[in-house]
Amino acid sequence: METNRLSAALRKALNEQMTREAFASQIYLSYGSWAASEGFDGIANFLFRHANEERTHMMKILEYIIERGAKVKIEAIGKPPADPESIQDCLEKTFVHEVDNTKSIYKIVKMSLEEEDWATWNFMQWFVREQTEEETMVMNLLDKLKIAGGSKAPGASLYALDRDLKNTPDDAVLAENKTVENP
């Protein structure tokens, strides 16, 4: 008896997204290693935590594919991009990557809506929220770096940012959670 509940197109898209999440983990791992080699241990710690978070995203998708009775297809992941040239370059490249990942998530959401696969549509809403959080987090870091001087930030400002990121929460506060009492 056939138990697969995913269309061939959705199964393919979810498997590809799973590989994208693994690649995202590699990017964060690579950038974290670069930051550590440059002496930015707080930034490295932050990036390493996000490498682990991306791997968790990969596993969520893998488990979902299995739960829907479909076949998981493990593919090779690409080589991470070259090391960033600066903290600003690192954060800008991270933001671009997150935006690309968001677009991929949106394609799966749209596909599940068009196919009326409500289980997959519902499952993907977690990722929509997560990507909003990821983009907001990186935008906030870029804003902090801009205030510190951007690409011309002095060492003391980069030191403070590095120190702050060591213990910065991994989640950004989203607009949907704001209230008049708690802006």
N, C-alpha and C. Protein backbone atom coordinates (compact mmCIF):
# COMPACT_ATOMS: atom_id res chain seq x y z
N MET A 1 0.84 -1.18 0.00
CA MET A 1 0.00 0.00 0.00
C MET A 1 0.88 1.24 0.00
N GLU A 2 0.53 2.19 -0.82
CA GLU A 2 1.27 3.46 -0.92
C GLU A 2 0.86 4.39 0.22
N THR A 3 1.85 4.86 0.99
CA THR A 3 1.55 5.75 2.11
C THR A 3 2.10 7.16 1.91
N ASN A 4 2.77 7.41 0.82
CA ASN A 4 3.35 8.73 0.55
C ASN A 4 2.23 9.78 0.43
N ARG A 5 2.34 10.85 1.20
CA ARG A 5 1.33 11.91 1.18
C ARG A 5 1.85 13.20 0.55
N LEU A 6 3.03 13.15 -0.06
CA LEU A 6 3.59 14.33 -0.72
C LEU A 6 3.61 14.13 -2.23
N SER A 7 3.27 15.17 -2.96
CA SER A 7 3.39 15.10 -4.42
C SER A 7 4.87 14.99 -4.77
N ALA A 8 5.14 14.55 -5.97
CA ALA A 8 6.54 14.45 -6.42
C ALA A 8 7.21 15.82 -6.37
N ALA A 9 6.46 16.86 -6.77
CA ALA A 9 7.04 18.22 -6.79
C ALA A 9 7.36 18.71 -5.38
N LEU A 10 6.45 18.50 -4.43
CA LEU A 10 6.70 18.94 -3.06
C LEU A 10 7.80 18.11 -2.40
N ARG A 11 7.80 16.83 -2.68
CA ARG A 11 8.86 15.97 -2.14
C ARG A 11 10.22 16.47 -2.62
N LYS A 12 10.32 16.78 -3.89
CA LYS A 12 11.58 17.29 -4.46
C LYS A 12 11.95 18.62 -3.83
N ALA A 13 10.99 19.52 -3.72
CA ALA A 13 11.26 20.85 -3.15
C ALA A 13 11.68 20.75 -1.68
N LEU A 14 11.04 19.90 -0.91
CA LEU A 14 11.40 19.73 0.49
C LEU A 14 12.78 19.11 0.64
N ASN A 15 13.09 18.13 -0.19
CA ASN A 15 14.43 17.55 -0.16
C ASN A 15 15.49 18.59 -0.53
N GLU A 16 15.19 19.42 -1.51
CA GLU A 16 16.13 20.48 -1.88
C GLU A 16 16.29 21.50 -0.75
N GLN A 17 15.19 21.82 -0.07
CA GLN A 17 15.26 22.76 1.05
C GLN A 17 16.07 22.15 2.20
N MET A 18 15.92 20.88 2.41
CA MET A 18 16.71 20.21 3.44
C MET A 18 18.20 20.37 3.14
N THR A 19 18.58 20.22 1.88
CA THR A 19 19.98 20.40 1.48
C THR A 19 20.40 21.86 1.64
N ARG A 20 19.50 22.80 1.34
CA ARG A 20 19.80 24.22 1.53
C ARG A 20 20.09 24.53 3.00
N GLU A 21 19.32 23.92 3.89
CA GLU A 21 19.53 24.14 5.31
C GLU A 21 20.88 23.56 5.75
N ALA A 22 21.26 22.42 5.20
CA ALA A 22 22.58 21.85 5.50
C ALA A 22 23.68 22.78 4.99
N PHE A 23 23.48 23.34 3.80
CA PHE A 23 24.44 24.29 3.24
C PHE A 23 24.52 25.55 4.10
N ALA A 24 23.38 26.02 4.59
CA ALA A 24 23.36 27.19 5.46
C ALA A 24 24.18 26.92 6.72
N SER A 25 24.05 25.72 7.25
CA SER A 25 24.84 25.35 8.42
C SER A 25 26.33 25.43 8.11
N GLN A 26 26.71 24.96 6.94
CA GLN A 26 28.12 25.01 6.53
C GLN A 26 28.61 26.45 6.39
N ILE A 27 27.75 27.32 5.87
CA ILE A 27 28.14 28.73 5.73
C ILE A 27 28.39 29.35 7.10
N TYR A 28 27.46 29.15 8.02
CA TYR A 28 27.64 29.69 9.37
C TYR A 28 28.88 29.09 10.03
N LEU A 29 29.11 27.81 9.83
CA LEU A 29 30.28 27.15 10.39
C LEU A 29 31.56 27.76 9.80
N SER A 30 31.56 27.96 8.50
CA SER A 30 32.71 28.55 7.82
C SER A 30 32.97 29.97 8.29
N TYR A 31 31.92 30.78 8.33
CA TYR A 31 32.08 32.17 8.77
C TYR A 31 32.48 32.24 10.25
N GLY A 32 31.95 31.32 11.06
CA GLY A 32 32.34 31.27 12.46
C GLY A 32 33.81 30.92 12.62
N SER A 33 34.29 29.99 11.82
CA SER A 33 35.71 29.62 11.85
C SER A 33 36.57 30.80 11.44
N TRP A 34 36.13 31.52 10.43
CA TRP A 34 36.86 32.72 10.00
C TRP A 34 36.90 33.74 11.13
N ALA A 35 35.75 34.01 11.77
CA ALA A 35 35.70 34.99 12.85
C ALA A 35 36.63 34.59 13.99
N ALA A 36 36.64 33.31 14.34
CA ALA A 36 37.53 32.84 15.40
C ALA A 36 39.00 33.06 15.03
N SER A 37 39.33 32.81 13.77
CA SER A 37 40.73 33.00 13.34
C SER A 37 41.14 34.46 13.35
N GLU A 38 40.14 35.36 13.30
CA GLU A 38 40.41 36.80 13.33
C GLU A 38 40.36 37.35 14.76
N GLY A 39 40.12 36.47 15.73
CA GLY A 39 40.10 36.89 17.12
C GLY A 39 38.73 37.32 17.64
N PHE A 40 37.70 37.15 16.85
CA PHE A 40 36.34 37.53 17.25
C PHE A 40 35.61 36.31 17.82
N ASP A 41 35.97 35.93 19.02
CA ASP A 41 35.40 34.72 19.62
C ASP A 41 33.91 34.84 19.91
N GLY A 42 33.44 36.03 20.27
CA GLY A 42 32.01 36.22 20.53
C GLY A 42 31.19 36.07 19.25
N ILE A 43 31.68 36.68 18.18
CA ILE A 43 31.00 36.57 16.89
C ILE A 43 31.06 35.13 16.40
N ALA A 44 32.21 34.49 16.59
CA ALA A 44 32.36 33.08 16.20
C ALA A 44 31.35 32.22 16.95
N ASN A 45 31.23 32.43 18.26
CA ASN A 45 30.28 31.68 19.07
C ASN A 45 28.86 31.86 18.55
N PHE A 46 28.50 33.09 18.26
CA PHE A 46 27.19 33.41 17.71
C PHE A 46 26.95 32.66 16.39
N LEU A 47 27.93 32.69 15.50
CA LEU A 47 27.81 32.02 14.20
C LEU A 47 27.77 30.50 14.35
N PHE A 48 28.55 29.96 15.27
CA PHE A 48 28.54 28.52 15.51
C PHE A 48 27.17 28.07 16.03
N ARG A 49 26.57 28.86 16.91
CA ARG A 49 25.23 28.52 17.40
C ARG A 49 24.23 28.51 16.24
N HIS A 50 24.40 29.43 15.31
CA HIS A 50 23.48 29.47 14.17
C HIS A 50 23.75 28.34 13.19
N ALA A 51 24.98 27.88 13.12
CA ALA A 51 25.27 26.69 12.30
C ALA A 51 24.46 25.51 12.84
N ASN A 52 24.44 25.37 14.14
CA ASN A 52 23.68 24.29 14.77
C ASN A 52 22.18 24.47 14.55
N GLU A 53 21.71 25.71 14.62
CA GLU A 53 20.29 25.98 14.40
C GLU A 53 19.88 25.60 12.97
N GLU A 54 20.73 25.90 12.00
CA GLU A 54 20.42 25.54 10.60
C GLU A 54 20.37 24.02 10.43
N ARG A 55 21.24 23.32 11.14
CA ARG A 55 21.21 21.86 11.08
C ARG A 55 19.91 21.35 11.68
N THR A 56 19.43 22.00 12.73
CA THR A 56 18.13 21.63 13.31
C THR A 56 17.02 21.84 12.29
N HIS A 57 17.09 22.92 11.52
CA HIS A 57 16.09 23.15 10.46
C HIS A 57 16.12 22.01 9.45
N MET A 58 17.32 21.60 9.08
CA MET A 58 17.47 20.49 8.14
C MET A 58 16.79 19.23 8.69
N MET A 59 17.01 18.96 9.98
CA MET A 59 16.43 17.76 10.58
C MET A 59 14.91 17.85 10.68
N LYS A 60 14.36 19.05 10.91
CA LYS A 60 12.91 19.22 10.94
C LYS A 60 12.31 18.80 9.59
N ILE A 61 12.94 19.25 8.53
CA ILE A 61 12.43 18.92 7.19
C ILE A 61 12.59 17.43 6.92
N LEU A 62 13.73 16.86 7.28
CA LEU A 62 13.95 15.43 7.09
C LEU A 62 12.87 14.63 7.80
N GLU A 63 12.62 14.95 9.05
CA GLU A 63 11.59 14.24 9.82
C GLU A 63 10.20 14.42 9.20
N TYR A 64 9.91 15.62 8.70
CA TYR A 64 8.60 15.86 8.10
C TYR A 64 8.41 14.99 6.85
N ILE A 65 9.43 14.92 6.02
CA ILE A 65 9.35 14.10 4.80
C ILE A 65 9.06 12.65 5.18
N ILE A 66 9.78 12.15 6.18
CA ILE A 66 9.56 10.78 6.64
C ILE A 66 8.14 10.61 7.18
N GLU A 67 7.69 11.55 8.01
CA GLU A 67 6.35 11.46 8.60
C GLU A 67 5.24 11.48 7.55
N ARG A 68 5.51 12.08 6.41
CA ARG A 68 4.50 12.11 5.35
C ARG A 68 4.63 10.90 4.42
N GLY A 69 5.48 9.96 4.79
CA GLY A 69 5.58 8.71 4.04
C GLY A 69 6.41 8.82 2.77
N ALA A 70 7.15 9.89 2.61
CA ALA A 70 7.93 10.09 1.40
C ALA A 70 9.39 9.71 1.63
N LYS A 71 10.14 9.71 0.57
CA LYS A 71 11.55 9.31 0.59
C LYS A 71 12.44 10.53 0.76
N VAL A 72 13.32 10.47 1.74
CA VAL A 72 14.34 11.49 1.93
C VAL A 72 15.47 11.19 0.97
N LYS A 73 15.96 12.24 0.35
CA LYS A 73 17.10 12.08 -0.57
C LYS A 73 18.22 12.98 -0.09
N ILE A 74 19.28 12.37 0.41
CA ILE A 74 20.44 13.12 0.90
C ILE A 74 21.35 13.43 -0.28
N GLU A 75 21.61 14.71 -0.46
CA GLU A 75 22.47 15.17 -1.55
C GLU A 75 23.75 15.78 -0.97
N ALA A 76 24.76 15.87 -1.80
CA ALA A 76 26.00 16.55 -1.40
C ALA A 76 25.71 18.04 -1.24
N ILE A 77 26.39 18.65 -0.29
CA ILE A 77 26.26 20.09 -0.12
C ILE A 77 27.49 20.75 -0.72
N GLY A 78 27.28 21.95 -1.21
CA GLY A 78 28.37 22.68 -1.85
C GLY A 78 29.39 23.20 -0.86
N LYS A 79 30.49 23.61 -1.41
CA LYS A 79 31.56 24.22 -0.63
C LYS A 79 31.09 25.61 -0.18
N PRO A 80 31.34 25.97 1.08
CA PRO A 80 30.95 27.31 1.52
C PRO A 80 31.69 28.38 0.72
N PRO A 81 31.13 29.58 0.67
CA PRO A 81 31.80 30.66 -0.06
C PRO A 81 33.13 31.03 0.61
N ALA A 82 33.89 31.85 -0.08
CA ALA A 82 35.17 32.31 0.45
C ALA A 82 34.97 33.06 1.76
N ASP A 83 36.02 33.10 2.56
CA ASP A 83 35.96 33.84 3.82
C ASP A 83 35.57 35.28 3.58
N PRO A 84 34.83 35.86 4.52
CA PRO A 84 34.51 37.29 4.41
C PRO A 84 35.79 38.11 4.55
N GLU A 85 35.71 39.35 4.12
CA GLU A 85 36.87 40.24 4.22
C GLU A 85 36.83 41.07 5.49
N SER A 86 35.65 41.15 6.11
CA SER A 86 35.48 41.97 7.31
C SER A 86 34.21 41.51 8.02
N ILE A 87 34.01 42.04 9.22
CA ILE A 87 32.77 41.73 9.95
C ILE A 87 31.57 42.23 9.15
N GLN A 88 31.68 43.42 8.58
CA GLN A 88 30.56 43.94 7.79
C GLN A 88 30.28 43.04 6.59
N ASP A 89 31.33 42.62 5.90
CA ASP A 89 31.17 41.71 4.76
C ASP A 89 30.52 40.41 5.20
N CYS A 90 30.93 39.91 6.35
CA CYS A 90 30.37 38.67 6.90
C CYS A 90 28.86 38.81 7.13
N LEU A 91 28.48 39.90 7.78
CA LEU A 91 27.06 40.11 8.08
C LEU A 91 26.24 40.38 6.82
N GLU A 92 26.80 41.13 5.88
CA GLU A 92 26.09 41.39 4.62
C GLU A 92 25.88 40.11 3.83
N LYS A 93 26.90 39.28 3.75
CA LYS A 93 26.77 38.00 3.04
C LYS A 93 25.78 37.08 3.75
N THR A 94 25.78 37.12 5.07
CA THR A 94 24.83 36.32 5.83
C THR A 94 23.41 36.78 5.54
N PHE A 95 23.21 38.08 5.48
CA PHE A 95 21.87 38.61 5.19
C PHE A 95 21.40 38.17 3.80
N VAL A 96 22.26 38.30 2.81
CA VAL A 96 21.91 37.89 1.44
C VAL A 96 21.53 36.41 1.43
N HIS A 97 22.30 35.60 2.12
CA HIS A 97 22.01 34.17 2.17
C HIS A 97 20.65 33.92 2.82
N GLU A 98 20.36 34.61 3.91
CA GLU A 98 19.07 34.42 4.58
C GLU A 98 17.90 34.83 3.69
N VAL A 99 18.06 35.92 2.95
CA VAL A 99 17.01 36.36 2.03
C VAL A 99 16.78 35.31 0.94
N ASP A 100 17.86 34.76 0.41
CA ASP A 100 17.73 33.69 -0.60
C ASP A 100 17.00 32.49 -0.02
N ASN A 101 17.32 32.15 1.22
CA ASN A 101 16.66 31.02 1.87
C ASN A 101 15.17 31.31 2.07
N THR A 102 14.86 32.54 2.43
CA THR A 102 13.45 32.93 2.60
C THR A 102 12.69 32.74 1.29
N LYS A 103 13.28 33.17 0.20
CA LYS A 103 12.62 33.02 -1.11
C LYS A 103 12.34 31.55 -1.42
N SER A 104 13.27 30.68 -1.06
CA SER A 104 13.08 29.25 -1.29
C SER A 104 11.94 28.70 -0.43
N ILE A 105 11.87 29.15 0.82
CA ILE A 105 10.78 28.75 1.72
C ILE A 105 9.44 29.20 1.14
N TYR A 106 9.40 30.44 0.68
CA TYR A 106 8.16 30.98 0.11
C TYR A 106 7.69 30.16 -1.09
N LYS A 107 8.60 29.68 -1.91
CA LYS A 107 8.22 28.85 -3.07
C LYS A 107 7.53 27.57 -2.62
N ILE A 108 8.03 26.99 -1.54
CA ILE A 108 7.41 25.76 -1.03
C ILE A 108 6.03 26.07 -0.45
N VAL A 109 5.92 27.18 0.26
CA VAL A 109 4.62 27.59 0.80
C VAL A 109 3.63 27.79 -0.33
N LYS A 110 4.04 28.49 -1.37
CA LYS A 110 3.16 28.74 -2.52
C LYS A 110 2.75 27.43 -3.19
N MET A 111 3.72 26.55 -3.36
CA MET A 111 3.45 25.26 -3.99
C MET A 111 2.44 24.45 -3.15
N SER A 112 2.63 24.45 -1.84
CA SER A 112 1.71 23.69 -0.98
C SER A 112 0.31 24.30 -1.00
N LEU A 113 0.23 25.63 -1.11
CA LEU A 113 -1.06 26.30 -1.22
C LEU A 113 -1.75 25.91 -2.52
N GLU A 114 -1.01 25.97 -3.61
CA GLU A 114 -1.58 25.63 -4.93
C GLU A 114 -2.03 24.18 -5.00
N GLU A 115 -1.29 23.29 -4.33
CA GLU A 115 -1.65 21.87 -4.33
C GLU A 115 -2.70 21.53 -3.28
N GLU A 116 -3.05 22.52 -2.46
CA GLU A 116 -3.96 22.31 -1.34
C GLU A 116 -3.46 21.22 -0.41
N ASP A 117 -2.15 21.21 -0.20
CA ASP A 117 -1.52 20.31 0.76
C ASP A 117 -1.41 21.10 2.06
N TRP A 118 -2.48 21.07 2.85
CA TRP A 118 -2.58 21.91 4.03
C TRP A 118 -1.62 21.48 5.13
N ALA A 119 -1.30 20.21 5.17
CA ALA A 119 -0.33 19.76 6.18
C ALA A 119 1.04 20.39 5.92
N THR A 120 1.46 20.39 4.66
CA THR A 120 2.76 20.99 4.32
C THR A 120 2.69 22.50 4.46
N TRP A 121 1.59 23.11 4.05
CA TRP A 121 1.44 24.55 4.21
C TRP A 121 1.58 24.93 5.69
N ASN A 122 0.90 24.19 6.54
CA ASN A 122 0.96 24.45 7.98
C ASN A 122 2.37 24.23 8.52
N PHE A 123 3.00 23.15 8.13
CA PHE A 123 4.37 22.86 8.56
C PHE A 123 5.32 23.99 8.17
N MET A 124 5.16 24.52 6.97
CA MET A 124 6.07 25.55 6.46
C MET A 124 5.88 26.91 7.14
N GLN A 125 4.75 27.10 7.82
CA GLN A 125 4.54 28.39 8.50
C GLN A 125 5.59 28.61 9.59
N TRP A 126 6.04 27.55 10.22
CA TRP A 126 7.11 27.67 11.22
C TRP A 126 8.36 28.26 10.56
N PHE A 127 8.66 27.80 9.35
CA PHE A 127 9.85 28.28 8.64
C PHE A 127 9.68 29.73 8.18
N VAL A 128 8.46 30.11 7.81
CA VAL A 128 8.21 31.50 7.43
C VAL A 128 8.53 32.40 8.62
N ARG A 129 8.02 32.05 9.77
CA ARG A 129 8.29 32.83 10.98
C ARG A 129 9.79 32.83 11.30
N GLU A 130 10.40 31.69 11.21
CA GLU A 130 11.83 31.56 11.50
C GLU A 130 12.67 32.43 10.57
N GLN A 131 12.32 32.46 9.29
CA GLN A 131 13.08 33.28 8.35
C GLN A 131 12.90 34.77 8.62
N THR A 132 11.70 35.16 9.03
CA THR A 132 11.48 36.55 9.42
C THR A 132 12.40 36.89 10.58
N GLU A 133 12.48 35.99 11.52
CA GLU A 133 13.34 36.18 12.69
C GLU A 133 14.82 36.24 12.27
N GLU A 134 15.24 35.35 11.39
CA GLU A 134 16.64 35.32 10.94
C GLU A 134 17.02 36.61 10.22
N GLU A 135 16.17 37.06 9.32
CA GLU A 135 16.46 38.30 8.60
C GLU A 135 16.51 39.48 9.56
N THR A 136 15.55 39.55 10.49
CA THR A 136 15.51 40.64 11.46
C THR A 136 16.77 40.64 12.31
N MET A 137 17.19 39.48 12.74
CA MET A 137 18.39 39.35 13.56
C MET A 137 19.61 39.93 12.85
N VAL A 138 19.80 39.55 11.59
CA VAL A 138 20.98 40.04 10.85
C VAL A 138 20.84 41.53 10.55
N MET A 139 19.64 41.99 10.22
CA MET A 139 19.44 43.44 10.01
C MET A 139 19.79 44.22 11.27
N ASN A 140 19.39 43.71 12.43
CA ASN A 140 19.71 44.37 13.69
C ASN A 140 21.22 44.43 13.91
N LEU A 141 21.92 43.35 13.57
CA LEU A 141 23.38 43.35 13.71
C LEU A 141 24.03 44.34 12.74
N LEU A 142 23.51 44.41 11.53
CA LEU A 142 24.03 45.38 10.56
C LEU A 142 23.79 46.81 11.05
N ASP A 143 22.63 47.05 11.66
CA ASP A 143 22.35 48.37 12.24
C ASP A 143 23.33 48.71 13.35
N LYS A 144 23.61 47.75 14.23
CA LYS A 144 24.57 47.98 15.31
C LYS A 144 25.96 48.29 14.75
N LEU A 145 26.33 47.54 13.73
CA LEU A 145 27.64 47.76 13.11
C LEU A 145 27.69 49.14 12.45
N LYS A 146 26.59 49.55 11.83
CA LYS A 146 26.52 50.87 11.21
C LYS A 146 26.73 51.96 12.25
N ILE A 147 26.05 51.84 13.40
CA ILE A 147 26.20 52.80 14.49
C ILE A 147 27.65 52.82 14.99
N ALA A 148 28.29 51.65 14.99
CA ALA A 148 29.67 51.54 15.48
C ALA A 148 30.68 52.11 14.49
N GLY A 149 30.24 52.41 13.26
CA GLY A 149 31.14 52.97 12.27
C GLY A 149 31.19 52.21 10.96
N GLY A 150 30.39 51.17 10.85
CA GLY A 150 30.33 50.40 9.61
C GLY A 150 31.67 49.78 9.26
N SER A 151 32.05 49.89 8.00
CA SER A 151 33.31 49.30 7.55
C SER A 151 34.52 50.00 8.15
N LYS A 152 34.31 51.20 8.71
CA LYS A 152 35.39 51.94 9.34
C LYS A 152 35.30 51.89 10.87
N ALA A 153 34.56 50.93 11.39
CA ALA A 153 34.39 50.81 12.84
C ALA A 153 35.76 50.62 13.50
N PRO A 154 36.02 51.41 14.53
CA PRO A 154 37.30 51.26 15.23
C PRO A 154 37.34 49.95 16.02
N GLY A 155 38.54 49.53 16.36
CA GLY A 155 38.73 48.29 17.09
C GLY A 155 37.91 48.20 18.37
N ALA A 156 37.80 49.31 19.09
CA ALA A 156 37.04 49.30 20.35
C ALA A 156 35.56 48.98 20.09
N SER A 157 35.02 49.49 19.01
CA SER A 157 33.61 49.21 18.67
C SER A 157 33.43 47.75 18.26
N LEU A 158 34.36 47.23 17.49
CA LEU A 158 34.28 45.82 17.09
C LEU A 158 34.46 44.91 18.30
N TYR A 159 35.31 45.32 19.21
CA TYR A 159 35.50 44.56 20.45
C TYR A 159 34.19 44.51 21.24
N ALA A 160 33.52 45.64 21.35
CA ALA A 160 32.24 45.70 22.08
C ALA A 160 31.18 44.83 21.39
N LEU A 161 31.13 44.90 20.06
CA LEU A 161 30.17 44.08 19.32
C LEU A 161 30.47 42.60 19.53
N ASP A 162 31.75 42.25 19.46
CA ASP A 162 32.16 40.87 19.66
C ASP A 162 31.76 40.39 21.06
N ARG A 163 32.02 41.20 22.06
CA ARG A 163 31.70 40.87 23.45
C ARG A 163 30.18 40.70 23.61
N ASP A 164 29.41 41.61 23.01
CA ASP A 164 27.95 41.56 23.12
C ASP A 164 27.37 40.32 22.43
N LEU A 165 27.93 39.94 21.29
CA LEU A 165 27.38 38.81 20.54
C LEU A 165 27.62 37.48 21.23
N LYS A 166 28.60 37.43 22.08
CA LYS A 166 28.88 36.18 22.78
C LYS A 166 27.64 35.71 23.55
N ASN A 167 26.89 36.66 24.12
CA ASN A 167 25.73 36.31 24.94
C ASN A 167 24.41 36.81 24.38
N THR A 168 24.41 37.31 23.15
CA THR A 168 23.18 37.79 22.54
C THR A 168 22.23 36.62 22.29
N PRO A 169 20.95 36.78 22.63
CA PRO A 169 19.98 35.72 22.34
C PRO A 169 19.94 35.43 20.83
N ASP A 170 19.65 34.20 20.50
CA ASP A 170 19.62 33.79 19.10
C ASP A 170 18.33 34.17 18.40
N ASP A 171 17.36 34.66 19.14
CA ASP A 171 16.07 35.00 18.57
C ASP A 171 15.88 36.51 18.56
N ALA A 172 15.35 37.03 17.47
CA ALA A 172 15.02 38.45 17.38
C ALA A 172 13.56 38.64 17.81
N VAL A 173 13.27 39.77 18.39
CA VAL A 173 11.89 40.11 18.74
C VAL A 173 11.22 40.62 17.47
N LEU A 174 10.11 40.01 17.10
CA LEU A 174 9.43 40.37 15.86
C LEU A 174 8.32 41.38 16.12
N ALA A 175 8.00 42.14 15.09
CA ALA A 175 6.96 43.16 15.19
C ALA A 175 5.63 42.58 15.63
N GLU A 176 5.32 41.37 15.19
CA GLU A 176 4.03 40.76 15.54
C GLU A 176 3.90 40.50 17.04
N ASN A 177 5.00 40.52 17.76
CA ASN A 177 4.96 40.29 19.21
C ASN A 177 4.99 41.59 20.01
N LYS A 178 5.00 42.72 19.33
CA LYS A 178 5.05 44.00 20.01
C LYS A 178 3.64 44.45 20.38
N THR A 179 3.58 45.25 21.45
CA THR A 179 2.31 45.82 21.89
C THR A 179 2.55 47.28 22.26
N VAL A 180 1.50 48.01 22.55
CA VAL A 180 1.63 49.38 22.99
C VAL A 180 2.42 49.42 24.31
N GLU A 181 2.16 48.45 25.17
CA GLU A 181 2.84 48.39 26.45
C GLU A 181 4.27 47.90 26.33
N ASN A 182 4.57 47.13 25.29
CA ASN A 182 5.90 46.55 25.12
C ASN A 182 6.37 46.77 23.68
N PRO A 183 6.76 48.04 23.36
CA PRO A 183 7.15 48.33 21.96
C PRO A 183 8.49 47.73 21.58
